[in-house]
Amino acid sequence: MAVTQTRVIDEDSPLLPGELDGVTLDEFLALSEAKPALEYEDGKVTQKVPPMGRHSVLQLALCDLFNRVAAPERIAFAFPELRATWRAERHSLVPDVAVYRWERIPRAPSGEVGDRFTEPPDVAIEIVSPEQSVTSLVRKCVWFVEHGVRAALLVDPDDRSVLLFRPGSPTSALRNGDQVDLREIVPGAVLTVDEIFAALQLG
């Protein structure tokens, strides 16, 4: 099935239910990037929820928390809204934050960061937005850790909680002063739930 994108998909003209279902992964990846981003799951195309205030602040704060610890030493880098594609599983997803170990970041021949990420992130983070299904995000985090992601976080600003998913381990429900400890993946990356949500005060 050949697909031609005939309109802009954005917040004012969002994806219609089933509009792109049935396209191949290669056809999907050939489409222009939409805002909010489109995601592909084995032939089904969905659109992410438009980011709102708390979501945007937490996304930027989490990137900053990781990058302050890991980027100067070239340990890892946290990217906001980065597309990662699992070709074998026919998935192309856009975590709110994707953390890659430095040596796993794809490079262009010039040495600059590449555009296509075809390996799973080391850490994937999803942030709950108003009216978004928490259950669907839990399923997404479970899928992440079943398909190469070493840890997934589900950050819920309404519940003031963080769920931590790891392959083969029970999910940890963290609150208040509980530590989100990812030092085995990114040395130095340990912070409390309170520190994450303190970002919402904007200083």
Foldseek 3Di string as FASTA:
>chain_A
DADDDDDADEPVHHDDAPNQAQDALVNVVPDDAHVVGWKWFPRGIDGDDHDDDLLVLLLVVVQVLQCVQFVVVQQKGKDAQAWEAANVRRIIDTARIAIATRVQFDADPVRHGDRYHHAGGQEGEHEDDPPDDPVVVVVVQVVSQVRHHQWYWYQYLVVLWIWIDGPPDDIDIFHDQDKPDPCVRGNPPIGHSVVSSVSVVVD
